[in-house]
All heavy atoms as atom14 arrays in JSON, in Angstrom:
{
  "sequence": "DPPLDARIDFAIHNNPYLAGRRFQFKTDENGVTLEGQVGTYFQKQ",
  "atom14_mask": [
    [1, 1, 1, 1, 1, 1, 1, 1, 0, 0, 0, 0, 0, 0],
    [1, 1, 1, 1, 1, 1, 1, 0, 0, 0, 0, 0, 0, 0],
    [1, 1, 1, 1, 1, 1, 1, 0, 0, 0, 0, 0, 0, 0],
    [1, 1, 1, 1, 1, 1, 1, 1, 0, 0, 0, 0, 0, 0],
    [1, 1, 1, 1, 1, 1, 1, 1, 0, 0, 0, 0, 0, 0],
    [1, 1, 1, 1, 1, 0, 0, 0, 0, 0, 0, 0, 0, 0],
    [1, 1, 1, 1, 1, 1, 1, 1, 1, 1, 1, 0, 0, 0],
    [1, 1, 1, 1, 1, 1, 1, 1, 0, 0, 0, 0, 0, 0],
    [1, 1, 1, 1, 1, 1, 1, 1, 0, 0, 0, 0, 0, 0],
    [1, 1, 1, 1, 1, 1, 1, 1, 1, 1, 1, 0, 0, 0],
    [1, 1, 1, 1, 1, 0, 0, 0, 0, 0, 0, 0, 0, 0],
    [1, 1, 1, 1, 1, 1, 1, 1, 0, 0, 0, 0, 0, 0],
    [1, 1, 1, 1, 1, 1, 1, 1, 1, 1, 0, 0, 0, 0],
    [1, 1, 1, 1, 1, 1, 1, 1, 0, 0, 0, 0, 0, 0],
    [1, 1, 1, 1, 1, 1, 1, 1, 0, 0, 0, 0, 0, 0],
    [1, 1, 1, 1, 1, 1, 1, 0, 0, 0, 0, 0, 0, 0],
    [1, 1, 1, 1, 1, 1, 1, 1, 1, 1, 1, 1, 0, 0],
    [1, 1, 1, 1, 1, 1, 1, 1, 0, 0, 0, 0, 0, 0],
    [1, 1, 1, 1, 1, 0, 0, 0, 0, 0, 0, 0, 0, 0],
    [1, 1, 1, 1, 0, 0, 0, 0, 0, 0, 0, 0, 0, 0],
    [1, 1, 1, 1, 1, 1, 1, 1, 1, 1, 1, 0, 0, 0],
    [1, 1, 1, 1, 1, 1, 1, 1, 1, 1, 1, 0, 0, 0],
    [1, 1, 1, 1, 1, 1, 1, 1, 1, 1, 1, 0, 0, 0],
    [1, 1, 1, 1, 1, 1, 1, 1, 1, 0, 0, 0, 0, 0],
    [1, 1, 1, 1, 1, 1, 1, 1, 1, 1, 1, 0, 0, 0],
    [1, 1, 1, 1, 1, 1, 1, 1, 1, 0, 0, 0, 0, 0],
    [1, 1, 1, 1, 1, 1, 1, 0, 0, 0, 0, 0, 0, 0],
    [1, 1, 1, 1, 1, 1, 1, 1, 0, 0, 0, 0, 0, 0],
    [1, 1, 1, 1, 1, 1, 1, 1, 1, 0, 0, 0, 0, 0],
    [1, 1, 1, 1, 1, 1, 1, 1, 0, 0, 0, 0, 0, 0],
    [1, 1, 1, 1, 0, 0, 0, 0, 0, 0, 0, 0, 0, 0],
    [1, 1, 1, 1, 1, 1, 1, 0, 0, 0, 0, 0, 0, 0],
    [1, 1, 1, 1, 1, 1, 1, 0, 0, 0, 0, 0, 0, 0],
    [1, 1, 1, 1, 1, 1, 1, 1, 0, 0, 0, 0, 0, 0],
    [1, 1, 1, 1, 1, 1, 1, 1, 1, 0, 0, 0, 0, 0],
    [1, 1, 1, 1, 0, 0, 0, 0, 0, 0, 0, 0, 0, 0],
    [1, 1, 1, 1, 1, 1, 1, 1, 1, 0, 0, 0, 0, 0],
    [1, 1, 1, 1, 1, 1, 1, 0, 0, 0, 0, 0, 0, 0],
    [1, 1, 1, 1, 0, 0, 0, 0, 0, 0, 0, 0, 0, 0],
    [1, 1, 1, 1, 1, 1, 1, 0, 0, 0, 0, 0, 0, 0],
    [1, 1, 1, 1, 1, 1, 1, 1, 1, 1, 1, 1, 0, 0],
    [1, 1, 1, 1, 1, 1, 1, 1, 1, 1, 1, 0, 0, 0],
    [1, 1, 1, 1, 1, 1, 1, 1, 1, 0, 0, 0, 0, 0],
    [1, 1, 1, 1, 1, 1, 1, 1, 1, 0, 0, 0, 0, 0],
    [1, 1, 1, 1, 1, 1, 1, 1, 1, 0, 0, 0, 0, 0]
  ],
  "atom14_positions": [
    [[-11.11, -29.94, 13.88], [-11.02, -28.87, 12.9], [-9.68, -28.16, 13.04], [-9.18, -28.0, 14.16], [-12.14, -27.85, 13.09], [-13.49, -28.4, 12.71], [-13.54, -29.38, 11.93], [-14.49, -27.87, 13.21], [0.0, 0.0, 0.0], [0.0, 0.0, 0.0], [0.0, 0.0, 0.0], [0.0, 0.0, 0.0], [0.0, 0.0, 0.0], [0.0, 0.0, 0.0]],
    [[-9.1, -27.71, 11.94], [-7.88, -26.93, 12.05], [-8.13, -25.62, 12.81], [-9.25, -25.11, 12.79], [-7.49, -26.63, 10.58], [-8.32, -27.51, 9.77], [-9.5, -27.91, 10.58], [0.0, 0.0, 0.0], [0.0, 0.0, 0.0], [0.0, 0.0, 0.0], [0.0, 0.0, 0.0], [0.0, 0.0, 0.0], [0.0, 0.0, 0.0], [0.0, 0.0, 0.0]],
    [[-7.11, -25.05, 13.43], [-7.31, -23.77, 14.12], [-7.75, -22.69, 13.16], [-7.49, -22.77, 11.95], [-5.91, -23.44, 14.68], [-5.09, -24.66, 14.49], [-5.77, -25.55, 13.51], [0.0, 0.0, 0.0], [0.0, 0.0, 0.0], [0.0, 0.0, 0.0], [0.0, 0.0, 0.0], [0.0, 0.0, 0.0], [0.0, 0.0, 0.0], [0.0, 0.0, 0.0]],
    [[-8.39, -21.67, 13.66], [-8.93, -20.58, 12.85], [-7.8, -19.95, 12.02], [-8.0, -19.65, 10.85], [-9.62, -19.53, 13.71], [-10.25, -18.35, 12.95], [-11.28, -18.83, 11.91], [-10.91, -17.41, 13.95], [0.0, 0.0, 0.0], [0.0, 0.0, 0.0], [0.0, 0.0, 0.0], [0.0, 0.0, 0.0], [0.0, 0.0, 0.0], [0.0, 0.0, 0.0]],
    [[-6.65, -19.7, 12.6], [-5.54, -19.09, 11.83], [-5.2, -19.91, 10.6], [-5.0, -19.35, 9.52], [-4.29, -18.97, 12.72], [-4.39, -17.87, 13.75], [-5.43, -17.19, 13.79], [-3.45, -17.69, 14.52], [0.0, 0.0, 0.0], [0.0, 0.0, 0.0], [0.0, 0.0, 0.0], [0.0, 0.0, 0.0], [0.0, 0.0, 0.0], [0.0, 0.0, 0.0]],
    [[-5.17, -21.18, 10.74], [-4.83, -22.08, 9.62], [-5.92, -22.03, 8.55], [-5.65, -22.03, 7.35], [-4.63, -23.51, 10.09], [0.0, 0.0, 0.0], [0.0, 0.0, 0.0], [0.0, 0.0, 0.0], [0.0, 0.0, 0.0], [0.0, 0.0, 0.0], [0.0, 0.0, 0.0], [0.0, 0.0, 0.0], [0.0, 0.0, 0.0], [0.0, 0.0, 0.0]],
    [[-7.17, -21.98, 8.97], [-8.28, -21.93, 8.0], [-8.29, -20.59, 7.26], [-8.58, -20.56, 6.06], [-9.6, -22.17, 8.7], [-9.73, -23.62, 9.2], [-11.07, -23.95, 9.78], [-11.2, -23.29, 11.09], [-12.28, -22.61, 11.47], [-13.33, -22.46, 10.68], [-12.35, -22.05, 12.68], [0.0, 0.0, 0.0], [0.0, 0.0, 0.0], [0.0, 0.0, 0.0]],
    [[-7.95, -19.49, 7.95], [-7.89, -18.19, 7.3], [-6.79, -18.2, 6.26], [-6.98, -17.78, 5.11], [-7.66, -17.07, 8.34], [-8.9, -16.89, 9.18], [-7.3, -15.75, 7.61], [-8.71, -15.97, 10.37], [0.0, 0.0, 0.0], [0.0, 0.0, 0.0], [0.0, 0.0, 0.0], [0.0, 0.0, 0.0], [0.0, 0.0, 0.0], [0.0, 0.0, 0.0]],
    [[-5.6, -18.67, 6.65], [-4.48, -18.71, 5.72], [-4.8, -19.56, 4.5], [-4.54, -19.15, 3.36], [-3.25, -19.29, 6.48], [-1.97, -19.07, 5.71], [-1.7, -17.91, 5.32], [-1.26, -20.06, 5.51], [0.0, 0.0, 0.0], [0.0, 0.0, 0.0], [0.0, 0.0, 0.0], [0.0, 0.0, 0.0], [0.0, 0.0, 0.0], [0.0, 0.0, 0.0]],
    [[-5.42, -20.71, 4.69], [-5.82, -21.58, 3.59], [-6.82, -20.87, 2.66], [-6.66, -20.91, 1.44], [-6.41, -22.86, 4.13], [-6.8, -23.83, 3.04], [-5.85, -24.67, 2.49], [-8.07, -23.91, 2.59], [-6.17, -25.58, 1.49], [-8.45, -24.8, 1.58], [-7.5, -25.64, 1.03], [0.0, 0.0, 0.0], [0.0, 0.0, 0.0], [0.0, 0.0, 0.0]],
    [[-7.84, -20.23, 3.23], [-8.86, -19.58, 2.43], [-8.28, -18.45, 1.58], [-8.64, -18.33, 0.43], [-9.98, -19.04, 3.37], [0.0, 0.0, 0.0], [0.0, 0.0, 0.0], [0.0, 0.0, 0.0], [0.0, 0.0, 0.0], [0.0, 0.0, 0.0], [0.0, 0.0, 0.0], [0.0, 0.0, 0.0], [0.0, 0.0, 0.0], [0.0, 0.0, 0.0]],
    [[-7.41, -17.66, 2.17], [-6.8, -16.55, 1.42], [-5.92, -17.08, 0.27], [-6.01, -16.62, -0.85], [-5.98, -15.66, 2.37], [-6.93, -14.85, 3.23], [-5.07, -14.71, 1.55], [-6.24, -14.06, 4.35], [0.0, 0.0, 0.0], [0.0, 0.0, 0.0], [0.0, 0.0, 0.0], [0.0, 0.0, 0.0], [0.0, 0.0, 0.0], [0.0, 0.0, 0.0]],
    [[-5.06, -18.03, 0.58], [-4.13, -18.53, -0.4], [-4.79, -19.37, -1.51], [-4.17, -19.55, -2.58], [-3.02, -19.31, 0.25], [-2.05, -18.42, 0.96], [-2.14, -18.15, 2.31], [-1.0, -17.73, 0.5], [-1.18, -17.31, 2.62], [-0.47, -17.0, 1.56], [0.0, 0.0, 0.0], [0.0, 0.0, 0.0], [0.0, 0.0, 0.0], [0.0, 0.0, 0.0]],
    [[-5.99, -19.82, -1.29], [-6.65, -20.61, -2.31], [-7.74, -19.86, -3.05], [-8.51, -20.44, -3.8], [-7.23, -21.88, -1.68], [-6.09, -22.86, -1.38], [-5.53, -23.43, -2.28], [-5.77, -23.01, -0.11], [0.0, 0.0, 0.0], [0.0, 0.0, 0.0], [0.0, 0.0, 0.0], [0.0, 0.0, 0.0], [0.0, 0.0, 0.0], [0.0, 0.0, 0.0]],
    [[-7.8, -18.54, -2.86], [-8.74, -17.72, -3.57], [-8.04, -17.18, -4.8], [-7.04, -16.48, -4.68], [-9.25, -16.61, -2.66], [-10.31, -15.77, -3.37], [-10.02, -15.11, -4.33], [-11.52, -15.82, -2.88], [0.0, 0.0, 0.0], [0.0, 0.0, 0.0], [0.0, 0.0, 0.0], [0.0, 0.0, 0.0], [0.0, 0.0, 0.0], [0.0, 0.0, 0.0]],
    [[-8.55, -17.42, -6.01], [-7.87, -16.97, -7.22], [-7.74, -15.46, -7.36], [-6.81, -14.96, -8.0], [-8.72, -17.54, -8.37], [-10.05, -17.81, -7.73], [-9.82, -18.11, -6.31], [0.0, 0.0, 0.0], [0.0, 0.0, 0.0], [0.0, 0.0, 0.0], [0.0, 0.0, 0.0], [0.0, 0.0, 0.0], [0.0, 0.0, 0.0], [0.0, 0.0, 0.0]],
    [[-8.61, -14.7, -6.7], [-8.53, -13.23, -6.79], [-7.42, -12.69, -5.89], [-7.06, -11.53, -6.0], [-9.86, -12.59, -6.4], [-10.97, -13.0, -7.33], [-11.97, -13.87, -6.92], [-11.01, -12.52, -8.63], [-12.99, -14.23, -7.81], [-12.03, -12.87, -9.52], [-13.0, -13.73, -9.08], [-14.01, -14.08, -9.95], [0.0, 0.0, 0.0], [0.0, 0.0, 0.0]],
    [[-6.97, -13.49, -4.97], [-5.99, -13.03, -3.98], [-4.63, -13.71, -4.17], [-3.73, -13.52, -3.34], [-6.5, -13.29, -2.56], [-7.86, -12.69, -2.28], [-8.34, -13.12, -0.88], [-7.84, -11.18, -2.41], [0.0, 0.0, 0.0], [0.0, 0.0, 0.0], [0.0, 0.0, 0.0], [0.0, 0.0, 0.0], [0.0, 0.0, 0.0], [0.0, 0.0, 0.0]],
    [[-4.45, -14.46, -5.24], [-3.23, -15.19, -5.49], [-2.03, -14.24, -5.48], [-2.06, -13.18, -6.08], [-3.3, -15.94, -6.8], [0.0, 0.0, 0.0], [0.0, 0.0, 0.0], [0.0, 0.0, 0.0], [0.0, 0.0, 0.0], [0.0, 0.0, 0.0], [0.0, 0.0, 0.0], [0.0, 0.0, 0.0], [0.0, 0.0, 0.0], [0.0, 0.0, 0.0]],
    [[-0.98, -14.61, -4.76], [0.21, -13.84, -4.72], [0.18, -12.64, -3.78], [1.2, -11.93, -3.61], [0.0, 0.0, 0.0], [0.0, 0.0, 0.0], [0.0, 0.0, 0.0], [0.0, 0.0, 0.0], [0.0, 0.0, 0.0], [0.0, 0.0, 0.0], [0.0, 0.0, 0.0], [0.0, 0.0, 0.0], [0.0, 0.0, 0.0], [0.0, 0.0, 0.0]],
    [[-0.93, -12.39, -3.13], [-1.04, -11.29, -2.19], [-0.64, -11.75, -0.8], [-0.88, -12.9, -0.44], [-2.46, -10.73, -2.14], [-2.94, -10.21, -3.47], [-2.22, -8.94, -3.83], [-2.64, -8.51, -5.13], [-2.15, -7.46, -5.7], [-1.21, -6.74, -5.13], [-2.56, -7.09, -6.9], [0.0, 0.0, 0.0], [0.0, 0.0, 0.0], [0.0, 0.0, 0.0]],
    [[-0.05, -10.86, -0.04], [0.32, -11.18, 1.35], [-0.52, -10.38, 2.3], [-0.69, -9.18, 2.14], [1.78, -10.88, 1.58], [2.68, -11.78, 0.78], [4.08, -11.63, 1.23], [4.86, -12.68, 0.57], [6.08, -12.99, 0.88], [6.66, -12.37, 1.89], [6.68, -13.93, 0.22], [0.0, 0.0, 0.0], [0.0, 0.0, 0.0], [0.0, 0.0, 0.0]],
    [[-1.05, -11.1, 3.28], [-1.88, -10.47, 4.29], [-1.32, -10.84, 5.66], [-0.72, -11.89, 5.83], [-3.32, -10.96, 4.21], [-3.99, -10.57, 2.92], [-4.0, -11.44, 1.85], [-4.62, -9.35, 2.78], [-4.62, -11.09, 0.66], [-5.26, -9.0, 1.6], [-5.25, -9.87, 0.53], [0.0, 0.0, 0.0], [0.0, 0.0, 0.0], [0.0, 0.0, 0.0]],
    [[-1.54, -9.96, 6.61], [-1.29, -10.25, 8.01], [-2.63, -10.22, 8.69], [-3.48, -9.41, 8.36], [-0.36, -9.24, 8.64], [1.02, -9.14, 8.01], [1.03, -8.3, 6.74], [0.39, -7.24, 6.69], [1.67, -8.8, 5.71], [0.0, 0.0, 0.0], [0.0, 0.0, 0.0], [0.0, 0.0, 0.0], [0.0, 0.0, 0.0], [0.0, 0.0, 0.0]],
    [[-2.82, -11.1, 9.65], [-4.09, -11.08, 10.38], [-3.87, -11.51, 11.82], [-2.92, -12.24, 12.15], [-5.14, -11.96, 9.72], [-4.73, -13.39, 9.55], [-4.92, -14.32, 10.54], [-4.1, -13.8, 8.36], [-4.54, -15.62, 10.39], [-3.71, -15.11, 8.21], [-3.94, -16.05, 9.21], [0.0, 0.0, 0.0], [0.0, 0.0, 0.0], [0.0, 0.0, 0.0]],
    [[-4.73, -11.02, 12.68], [-4.77, -11.4, 14.09], [-6.17, -11.85, 14.4], [-7.15, -11.3, 13.87], [-4.42, -10.23, 15.0], [-2.99, -9.73, 14.84], [-2.67, -8.61, 15.81], [-3.24, -7.33, 15.26], [-2.89, -6.13, 15.96], [0.0, 0.0, 0.0], [0.0, 0.0, 0.0], [0.0, 0.0, 0.0], [0.0, 0.0, 0.0], [0.0, 0.0, 0.0]],
    [[-6.3, -12.88, 15.22], [-7.61, -13.36, 15.59], [-7.81, -13.17, 17.1], [-6.85, -13.22, 17.89], [-7.79, -14.84, 15.26], [-6.82, -15.58, 15.94], [-7.66, -15.08, 13.77], [0.0, 0.0, 0.0], [0.0, 0.0, 0.0], [0.0, 0.0, 0.0], [0.0, 0.0, 0.0], [0.0, 0.0, 0.0], [0.0, 0.0, 0.0], [0.0, 0.0, 0.0]],
    [[-9.04, -12.93, 17.49], [-9.44, -12.88, 18.88], [-10.92, -13.17, 18.97], [-11.67, -12.82, 18.08], [-9.12, -11.51, 19.51], [-9.88, -10.37, 18.87], [-11.1, -10.51, 18.64], [-9.27, -9.34, 18.59], [0.0, 0.0, 0.0], [0.0, 0.0, 0.0], [0.0, 0.0, 0.0], [0.0, 0.0, 0.0], [0.0, 0.0, 0.0], [0.0, 0.0, 0.0]],
    [[-11.34, -13.86, 19.94], [-12.75, -14.16, 20.21], [-13.69, -14.0, 19.01], [-14.55, -13.11, 19.0], [-13.25, -13.39, 21.4], [-12.5, -13.72, 22.67], [-13.12, -13.12, 23.88], [-14.33, -12.79, 23.83], [-12.4, -12.97, 24.87], [0.0, 0.0, 0.0], [0.0, 0.0, 0.0], [0.0, 0.0, 0.0], [0.0, 0.0, 0.0], [0.0, 0.0, 0.0]],
    [[-13.51, -14.8, 17.99], [-14.38, -14.8, 16.79], [-14.19, -13.6, 15.88], [-14.95, -13.44, 14.91], [-15.84, -14.93, 17.16], [-16.11, -16.21, 17.91], [-15.43, -17.21, 17.69], [-17.06, -16.21, 18.81], [0.0, 0.0, 0.0], [0.0, 0.0, 0.0], [0.0, 0.0, 0.0], [0.0, 0.0, 0.0], [0.0, 0.0, 0.0], [0.0, 0.0, 0.0]],
    [[-13.24, -12.75, 16.1], [-13.01, -11.63, 15.25], [-11.63, -11.72, 14.62], [-10.72, -12.4, 15.09], [0.0, 0.0, 0.0], [0.0, 0.0, 0.0], [0.0, 0.0, 0.0], [0.0, 0.0, 0.0], [0.0, 0.0, 0.0], [0.0, 0.0, 0.0], [0.0, 0.0, 0.0], [0.0, 0.0, 0.0], [0.0, 0.0, 0.0], [0.0, 0.0, 0.0]],
    [[-11.49, -11.01, 13.5], [-10.23, -11.01, 12.74], [-9.9, -9.6, 12.36], [-10.74, -8.84, 11.91], [-10.35, -11.86, 11.45], [-9.07, -11.82, 10.64], [-10.73, -13.31, 11.77], [0.0, 0.0, 0.0], [0.0, 0.0, 0.0], [0.0, 0.0, 0.0], [0.0, 0.0, 0.0], [0.0, 0.0, 0.0], [0.0, 0.0, 0.0], [0.0, 0.0, 0.0]],
    [[-8.64, -9.22, 12.56], [-8.1, -7.97, 12.07], [-7.21, -8.33, 10.87], [-6.27, -9.09, 11.05], [-7.29, -7.19, 13.15], [-8.16, -6.94, 14.26], [-6.74, -5.91, 12.61], [0.0, 0.0, 0.0], [0.0, 0.0, 0.0], [0.0, 0.0, 0.0], [0.0, 0.0, 0.0], [0.0, 0.0, 0.0], [0.0, 0.0, 0.0], [0.0, 0.0, 0.0]],
    [[-7.54, -7.77, 9.72], [-6.82, -8.08, 8.5], [-6.09, -6.87, 7.99], [-6.64, -5.78, 7.91], [-7.84, -8.54, 7.43], [-7.34, -8.93, 6.07], [-6.43, -10.22, 6.19], [-8.47, -9.19, 5.11], [0.0, 0.0, 0.0], [0.0, 0.0, 0.0], [0.0, 0.0, 0.0], [0.0, 0.0, 0.0], [0.0, 0.0, 0.0], [0.0, 0.0, 0.0]],
    [[-4.79, -7.06, 7.64], [-3.98, -6.0, 7.1], [-3.2, -6.51, 5.87], [-3.0, -7.71, 5.72], [-2.97, -5.53, 8.16], [-3.64, -4.94, 9.4], [-2.65, -4.5, 10.43], [-1.49, -5.0, 10.43], [-3.03, -3.66, 11.25], [0.0, 0.0, 0.0], [0.0, 0.0, 0.0], [0.0, 0.0, 0.0], [0.0, 0.0, 0.0], [0.0, 0.0, 0.0]],
    [[-2.82, -5.57, 5.05], [-2.07, -5.91, 3.83], [-2.33, -4.83, 2.79], [-2.88, -3.79, 3.06], [0.0, 0.0, 0.0], [0.0, 0.0, 0.0], [0.0, 0.0, 0.0], [0.0, 0.0, 0.0], [0.0, 0.0, 0.0], [0.0, 0.0, 0.0], [0.0, 0.0, 0.0], [0.0, 0.0, 0.0], [0.0, 0.0, 0.0], [0.0, 0.0, 0.0]],
    [[-1.94, -5.16, 1.57], [-2.16, -4.23, 0.46], [-2.55, -5.0, -0.78], [-2.0, -6.06, -1.08], [-0.89, -3.4, 0.16], [-1.16, -2.34, -0.89], [-0.12, -1.25, -0.89], [0.72, -1.18, 0.0], [-0.16, -0.42, -1.91], [0.0, 0.0, 0.0], [0.0, 0.0, 0.0], [0.0, 0.0, 0.0], [0.0, 0.0, 0.0], [0.0, 0.0, 0.0]],
    [[-3.55, -4.47, -1.5], [-4.0, -5.09, -2.74], [-4.08, -3.99, -3.82], [-3.98, -2.81, -3.5], [-5.4, -5.74, -2.54], [-5.31, -6.94, -1.62], [-6.43, -4.72, -2.04], [0.0, 0.0, 0.0], [0.0, 0.0, 0.0], [0.0, 0.0, 0.0], [0.0, 0.0, 0.0], [0.0, 0.0, 0.0], [0.0, 0.0, 0.0], [0.0, 0.0, 0.0]],
    [[-4.34, -4.41, -5.04], [-4.36, -3.45, -6.15], [-5.74, -2.84, -6.37], [-5.85, -1.79, -7.0], [0.0, 0.0, 0.0], [0.0, 0.0, 0.0], [0.0, 0.0, 0.0], [0.0, 0.0, 0.0], [0.0, 0.0, 0.0], [0.0, 0.0, 0.0], [0.0, 0.0, 0.0], [0.0, 0.0, 0.0], [0.0, 0.0, 0.0], [0.0, 0.0, 0.0]],
    [[-6.82, -3.5, -5.94], [-8.17, -3.01, -6.22], [-9.08, -3.12, -4.99], [-8.82, -3.94, -4.09], [-8.82, -3.78, -7.36], [-9.04, -5.13, -6.93], [-7.94, -3.78, -8.62], [0.0, 0.0, 0.0], [0.0, 0.0, 0.0], [0.0, 0.0, 0.0], [0.0, 0.0, 0.0], [0.0, 0.0, 0.0], [0.0, 0.0, 0.0], [0.0, 0.0, 0.0]],
    [[-10.16, -2.34, -5.0], [-11.14, -2.42, -3.95], [-11.85, -3.78, -4.02], [-12.29, -4.32, -3.0], [-12.15, -1.3, -4.01], [-11.54, 0.01, -3.53], [-11.08, 0.96, -4.42], [-11.44, 0.26, -2.16], [-10.51, 2.14, -3.96], [-10.88, 1.43, -1.7], [-10.38, 2.35, -2.59], [-9.81, 3.52, -2.12], [0.0, 0.0, 0.0], [0.0, 0.0, 0.0]],
    [[-11.97, -4.36, -5.18], [-12.56, -5.68, -5.34], [-11.76, -6.71, -4.57], [-12.31, -7.53, -3.84], [-12.65, -6.07, -6.81], [-13.2, -7.47, -7.04], [-14.56, -7.73, -6.88], [-12.34, -8.5, -7.35], [-15.06, -8.99, -7.09], [-12.84, -9.78, -7.54], [-14.2, -10.02, -7.41], [0.0, 0.0, 0.0], [0.0, 0.0, 0.0], [0.0, 0.0, 0.0]],
    [[-10.42, -6.66, -4.67], [-9.58, -7.6, -3.94], [-9.72, -7.37, -2.42], [-9.73, -8.34, -1.66], [-8.13, -7.45, -4.36], [-7.89, -7.98, -5.76], [-6.48, -7.69, -6.24], [-5.96, -6.62, -6.04], [-5.87, -8.68, -6.88], [0.0, 0.0, 0.0], [0.0, 0.0, 0.0], [0.0, 0.0, 0.0], [0.0, 0.0, 0.0], [0.0, 0.0, 0.0]],
    [[-9.82, -6.16, -2.01], [-10.0, -5.86, -0.58], [-11.3, -6.51, -0.09], [-11.34, -7.16, 0.93], [-10.05, -4.34, -0.35], [-10.3, -3.98, 1.1], [-10.28, -2.47, 1.31], [-10.56, -2.16, 2.77], [-10.28, -0.77, 3.09], [0.0, 0.0, 0.0], [0.0, 0.0, 0.0], [0.0, 0.0, 0.0], [0.0, 0.0, 0.0], [0.0, 0.0, 0.0]],
    [[-12.37, -6.36, -0.85], [-13.65, -6.94, -0.47], [-13.59, -8.46, -0.51], [-14.15, -9.1, 0.36], [-14.75, -6.41, -1.41], [-16.16, -6.84, -1.04], [-16.57, -6.21, 0.28], [-16.2, -5.12, 0.64], [-17.44, -6.92, 1.02], [0.0, 0.0, 0.0], [0.0, 0.0, 0.0], [0.0, 0.0, 0.0], [0.0, 0.0, 0.0], [0.0, 0.0, 0.0]]
  ]
}
């Protein structure tokens, strides 16, 4: 399986609601810290 970081990046970039958005994330023991900016609360969710 690809590493978790690669799977997160793929999932974000292939979601039509998040197209063109940039996120930063850190992973640790099954957890993810996600940062960035979006236009709506729906996109955040």
